Amino acid sequence: MVNRAYYAMFYSVTALLQSADKTSSKHAGVISLFDKDFVQTGLFPKEMSRALHEAFDERQESDYAPVRTTTRDEAAGLLASAEQFVERVAEHIGRPPQI
């Protein structure tokens, strides 16, 4: 579930970047462009950047760490954060959220 929550956020940012004619082939690049072009400019709050970074870190850890167990509460919190994130981005680009 951690993986899916992160990817919902990641792909919503990818769509956002495409709507601004920007792209990156790497996750770090997508996150960096979101921070630079949308958070630092004030279009989105810093909390959204933090949420995206935390989701990325959680996904990395849960997918690649030898022993990492995510609790049900942690996963539920991340999923709720992802839903809010995707909703906010979808509103910005004028599409209904699909998560």
N, C-alpha and C. Protein backbone atom coordinates (compact mmCIF):
# COMPACT_ATOMS: atom_id res chain seq x y z
N MET A 1 0.82 -1.19 0.00
CA MET A 1 0.00 0.00 0.00
C MET A 1 0.87 1.26 0.00
N VAL A 2 2.01 1.21 0.68
CA VAL A 2 2.93 2.35 0.71
C VAL A 2 3.36 2.69 -0.71
N ASN A 3 3.70 1.66 -1.45
CA ASN A 3 4.15 1.80 -2.82
C ASN A 3 3.06 2.48 -3.67
N ARG A 4 1.83 2.03 -3.53
CA ARG A 4 0.72 2.58 -4.32
C ARG A 4 0.40 4.03 -3.95
N ALA A 5 0.47 4.33 -2.68
CA ALA A 5 0.21 5.71 -2.24
C ALA A 5 1.27 6.65 -2.82
N TYR A 6 2.54 6.23 -2.75
CA TYR A 6 3.61 7.07 -3.32
C TYR A 6 3.39 7.27 -4.82
N TYR A 7 3.11 6.18 -5.54
CA TYR A 7 2.97 6.30 -6.98
C TYR A 7 1.77 7.15 -7.38
N ALA A 8 0.71 7.16 -6.59
CA ALA A 8 -0.41 8.07 -6.87
C ALA A 8 0.07 9.51 -6.82
N MET A 9 0.89 9.81 -5.82
CA MET A 9 1.43 11.17 -5.69
C MET A 9 2.40 11.47 -6.83
N PHE A 10 3.29 10.53 -7.09
CA PHE A 10 4.30 10.70 -8.14
C PHE A 10 3.65 10.96 -9.50
N TYR A 11 2.66 10.14 -9.86
CA TYR A 11 2.04 10.31 -11.18
C TYR A 11 1.18 11.56 -11.25
N SER A 12 0.63 12.00 -10.14
CA SER A 12 -0.12 13.26 -10.17
C SER A 12 0.85 14.43 -10.41
N VAL A 13 2.04 14.36 -9.80
CA VAL A 13 3.04 15.40 -10.05
C VAL A 13 3.54 15.32 -11.49
N THR A 14 3.69 14.12 -12.01
CA THR A 14 4.11 13.96 -13.40
C THR A 14 3.09 14.62 -14.34
N ALA A 15 1.80 14.42 -14.07
CA ALA A 15 0.75 15.07 -14.88
C ALA A 15 0.81 16.59 -14.72
N LEU A 16 1.04 17.04 -13.51
CA LEU A 16 1.17 18.47 -13.25
C LEU A 16 2.32 19.07 -14.05
N LEU A 17 3.45 18.39 -14.02
CA LEU A 17 4.62 18.87 -14.77
C LEU A 17 4.34 18.87 -16.26
N GLN A 18 3.67 17.84 -16.76
CA GLN A 18 3.36 17.79 -18.18
C GLN A 18 2.44 18.94 -18.57
N SER A 19 1.53 19.31 -17.67
CA SER A 19 0.64 20.44 -17.96
C SER A 19 1.41 21.75 -18.07
N ALA A 20 2.62 21.77 -17.52
CA ALA A 20 3.49 22.96 -17.60
C ALA A 20 4.64 22.73 -18.58
N ASP A 21 4.50 21.71 -19.43
CA ASP A 21 5.53 21.37 -20.43
C ASP A 21 6.89 21.09 -19.81
N LYS A 22 6.89 20.39 -18.70
CA LYS A 22 8.13 20.00 -18.02
C LYS A 22 8.09 18.50 -17.80
N THR A 23 9.28 17.91 -17.71
CA THR A 23 9.35 16.47 -17.47
C THR A 23 10.71 16.10 -16.91
N SER A 24 10.77 14.93 -16.32
CA SER A 24 12.03 14.36 -15.85
C SER A 24 11.90 12.85 -15.92
N SER A 25 13.00 12.19 -16.20
CA SER A 25 12.97 10.73 -16.31
C SER A 25 13.25 10.05 -14.98
N LYS A 26 13.58 10.82 -13.96
CA LYS A 26 13.91 10.24 -12.66
C LYS A 26 12.97 10.75 -11.58
N HIS A 27 12.75 9.90 -10.59
CA HIS A 27 11.87 10.29 -9.48
C HIS A 27 12.41 11.54 -8.78
N ALA A 28 13.70 11.56 -8.51
CA ALA A 28 14.29 12.72 -7.83
C ALA A 28 14.11 13.98 -8.66
N GLY A 29 14.18 13.86 -9.97
CA GLY A 29 14.00 15.01 -10.84
C GLY A 29 12.57 15.52 -10.82
N VAL A 30 11.60 14.61 -10.80
CA VAL A 30 10.19 15.00 -10.72
C VAL A 30 9.93 15.74 -9.41
N ILE A 31 10.44 15.18 -8.33
CA ILE A 31 10.25 15.80 -7.01
C ILE A 31 10.92 17.17 -6.96
N SER A 32 12.12 17.26 -7.51
CA SER A 32 12.85 18.52 -7.52
C SER A 32 12.11 19.59 -8.34
N LEU A 33 11.59 19.21 -9.49
CA LEU A 33 10.84 20.18 -10.31
C LEU A 33 9.57 20.62 -9.61
N PHE A 34 8.89 19.70 -8.94
CA PHE A 34 7.70 20.06 -8.19
C PHE A 34 8.05 21.10 -7.13
N ASP A 35 9.13 20.83 -6.39
CA ASP A 35 9.55 21.77 -5.34
C ASP A 35 9.90 23.13 -5.93
N LYS A 36 10.69 23.12 -6.98
CA LYS A 36 11.19 24.37 -7.56
C LYS A 36 10.08 25.18 -8.24
N ASP A 37 9.28 24.52 -9.06
CA ASP A 37 8.31 25.24 -9.89
C ASP A 37 6.93 25.43 -9.25
N PHE A 38 6.62 24.64 -8.24
CA PHE A 38 5.27 24.72 -7.69
C PHE A 38 5.23 25.03 -6.20
N VAL A 39 6.23 24.58 -5.45
CA VAL A 39 6.22 24.86 -4.00
C VAL A 39 6.95 26.17 -3.71
N GLN A 40 8.15 26.31 -4.24
CA GLN A 40 8.92 27.54 -3.98
C GLN A 40 8.25 28.77 -4.56
N THR A 41 7.42 28.59 -5.57
CA THR A 41 6.71 29.72 -6.17
C THR A 41 5.41 30.04 -5.42
N GLY A 42 5.05 29.20 -4.46
CA GLY A 42 3.86 29.44 -3.66
C GLY A 42 2.57 28.85 -4.22
N LEU A 43 2.64 28.13 -5.34
CA LEU A 43 1.43 27.53 -5.90
C LEU A 43 0.90 26.40 -5.02
N PHE A 44 1.80 25.71 -4.34
CA PHE A 44 1.43 24.64 -3.41
C PHE A 44 2.17 24.86 -2.10
N PRO A 45 1.57 24.47 -0.99
CA PRO A 45 2.22 24.67 0.31
C PRO A 45 3.38 23.71 0.54
N LYS A 46 4.29 24.11 1.42
CA LYS A 46 5.46 23.29 1.75
C LYS A 46 5.08 21.93 2.31
N GLU A 47 3.89 21.85 2.94
CA GLU A 47 3.44 20.58 3.50
C GLU A 47 3.30 19.53 2.40
N MET A 48 2.94 19.96 1.21
CA MET A 48 2.81 19.00 0.10
C MET A 48 4.17 18.48 -0.32
N SER A 49 5.17 19.33 -0.29
CA SER A 49 6.52 18.89 -0.58
C SER A 49 6.98 17.87 0.46
N ARG A 50 6.74 18.19 1.72
CA ARG A 50 7.11 17.27 2.81
C ARG A 50 6.42 15.93 2.65
N ALA A 51 5.13 15.96 2.32
CA ALA A 51 4.36 14.73 2.16
C ALA A 51 4.93 13.88 1.02
N LEU A 52 5.29 14.53 -0.08
CA LEU A 52 5.85 13.81 -1.22
C LEU A 52 7.21 13.21 -0.88
N HIS A 53 8.05 13.98 -0.21
CA HIS A 53 9.37 13.48 0.20
C HIS A 53 9.23 12.32 1.18
N GLU A 54 8.31 12.45 2.13
CA GLU A 54 8.11 11.37 3.10
C GLU A 54 7.60 10.11 2.42
N ALA A 55 6.67 10.27 1.48
CA ALA A 55 6.14 9.11 0.76
C ALA A 55 7.25 8.44 -0.05
N PHE A 56 8.10 9.25 -0.68
CA PHE A 56 9.22 8.70 -1.45
C PHE A 56 10.14 7.90 -0.52
N ASP A 57 10.49 8.48 0.61
CA ASP A 57 11.38 7.79 1.56
C ASP A 57 10.75 6.50 2.08
N GLU A 58 9.46 6.56 2.40
CA GLU A 58 8.76 5.36 2.88
C GLU A 58 8.74 4.27 1.82
N ARG A 59 8.48 4.67 0.59
CA ARG A 59 8.45 3.69 -0.50
C ARG A 59 9.82 3.06 -0.70
N GLN A 60 10.85 3.88 -0.68
CA GLN A 60 12.21 3.35 -0.82
C GLN A 60 12.50 2.33 0.27
N GLU A 61 12.16 2.70 1.49
CA GLU A 61 12.44 1.83 2.62
C GLU A 61 11.62 0.54 2.56
N SER A 62 10.33 0.68 2.26
CA SER A 62 9.48 -0.52 2.26
C SER A 62 9.79 -1.44 1.09
N ASP A 63 10.22 -0.88 -0.05
CA ASP A 63 10.53 -1.71 -1.21
C ASP A 63 11.93 -2.30 -1.17
N TYR A 64 12.88 -1.59 -0.57
CA TYR A 64 14.28 -2.00 -0.69
C TYR A 64 14.99 -2.36 0.60
N ALA A 65 14.47 -1.97 1.75
CA ALA A 65 15.13 -2.31 3.01
C ALA A 65 14.95 -3.80 3.27
N PRO A 66 15.98 -4.45 3.80
CA PRO A 66 15.87 -5.90 4.03
C PRO A 66 14.73 -6.27 4.98
N VAL A 67 14.56 -5.51 6.02
CA VAL A 67 13.49 -5.80 6.97
C VAL A 67 12.81 -4.48 7.34
N ARG A 68 11.64 -4.27 6.78
CA ARG A 68 10.89 -3.05 7.08
C ARG A 68 9.42 -3.41 7.09
N THR A 69 8.78 -3.24 8.21
CA THR A 69 7.36 -3.49 8.33
C THR A 69 6.65 -2.17 8.57
N THR A 70 5.69 -1.89 7.72
CA THR A 70 4.88 -0.69 7.87
C THR A 70 3.61 -1.09 8.63
N THR A 71 3.31 -0.35 9.67
CA THR A 71 2.11 -0.66 10.45
C THR A 71 0.87 -0.26 9.66
N ARG A 72 -0.24 -0.80 10.06
CA ARG A 72 -1.51 -0.47 9.43
C ARG A 72 -1.79 1.03 9.59
N ASP A 73 -1.49 1.59 10.76
CA ASP A 73 -1.72 3.02 10.99
C ASP A 73 -0.82 3.89 10.11
N GLU A 74 0.45 3.48 9.96
CA GLU A 74 1.37 4.23 9.09
C GLU A 74 0.87 4.21 7.65
N ALA A 75 0.45 3.04 7.19
CA ALA A 75 -0.05 2.91 5.81
C ALA A 75 -1.32 3.73 5.62
N ALA A 76 -2.21 3.69 6.60
CA ALA A 76 -3.46 4.45 6.50
C ALA A 76 -3.18 5.95 6.46
N GLY A 77 -2.22 6.40 7.26
CA GLY A 77 -1.84 7.82 7.25
C GLY A 77 -1.26 8.24 5.92
N LEU A 78 -0.42 7.38 5.36
CA LEU A 78 0.19 7.69 4.06
C LEU A 78 -0.87 7.71 2.97
N LEU A 79 -1.80 6.77 3.02
CA LEU A 79 -2.87 6.73 2.03
C LEU A 79 -3.75 7.99 2.11
N ALA A 80 -4.08 8.41 3.31
CA ALA A 80 -4.88 9.63 3.48
C ALA A 80 -4.13 10.84 2.93
N SER A 81 -2.84 10.90 3.21
CA SER A 81 -2.01 12.00 2.71
C SER A 81 -1.97 11.98 1.18
N ALA A 82 -1.84 10.81 0.60
CA ALA A 82 -1.79 10.68 -0.86
C ALA A 82 -3.11 11.11 -1.48
N GLU A 83 -4.22 10.74 -0.86
CA GLU A 83 -5.52 11.13 -1.40
C GLU A 83 -5.68 12.65 -1.41
N GLN A 84 -5.29 13.30 -0.33
CA GLN A 84 -5.37 14.76 -0.27
C GLN A 84 -4.44 15.40 -1.29
N PHE A 85 -3.25 14.84 -1.41
CA PHE A 85 -2.25 15.35 -2.34
C PHE A 85 -2.78 15.29 -3.77
N VAL A 86 -3.26 14.12 -4.17
CA VAL A 86 -3.76 13.92 -5.54
C VAL A 86 -4.96 14.83 -5.81
N GLU A 87 -5.83 14.95 -4.84
CA GLU A 87 -7.00 15.83 -4.98
C GLU A 87 -6.57 17.27 -5.25
N ARG A 88 -5.61 17.73 -4.48
CA ARG A 88 -5.13 19.12 -4.61
C ARG A 88 -4.48 19.36 -5.97
N VAL A 89 -3.66 18.40 -6.42
CA VAL A 89 -3.01 18.54 -7.72
C VAL A 89 -4.05 18.48 -8.83
N ALA A 90 -5.00 17.56 -8.73
CA ALA A 90 -6.05 17.43 -9.74
C ALA A 90 -6.86 18.71 -9.86
N GLU A 91 -7.17 19.32 -8.73
CA GLU A 91 -7.89 20.60 -8.75
C GLU A 91 -7.08 21.65 -9.50
N HIS A 92 -5.78 21.64 -9.28
CA HIS A 92 -4.91 22.65 -9.92
C HIS A 92 -4.89 22.47 -11.44
N ILE A 93 -4.85 21.23 -11.90
CA ILE A 93 -4.77 21.03 -13.34
C ILE A 93 -6.15 20.85 -13.98
N GLY A 94 -7.20 20.91 -13.16
CA GLY A 94 -8.55 20.91 -13.69
C GLY A 94 -9.11 19.55 -14.07
N ARG A 95 -8.56 18.49 -13.51
CA ARG A 95 -9.07 17.15 -13.79
C ARG A 95 -9.65 16.57 -12.51
N PRO A 96 -10.67 15.73 -12.63
CA PRO A 96 -11.19 15.09 -11.43
C PRO A 96 -10.18 14.09 -10.89
N PRO A 97 -10.02 13.99 -9.57
CA PRO A 97 -9.06 13.05 -9.01
C PRO A 97 -9.48 11.61 -9.26
N GLN A 98 -8.51 10.76 -9.57
CA GLN A 98 -8.78 9.34 -9.76
C GLN A 98 -7.78 8.54 -8.97
N ILE A 99 -8.13 8.21 -7.76
CA ILE A 99 -7.24 7.42 -6.89
C ILE A 99 -8.06 6.33 -6.24
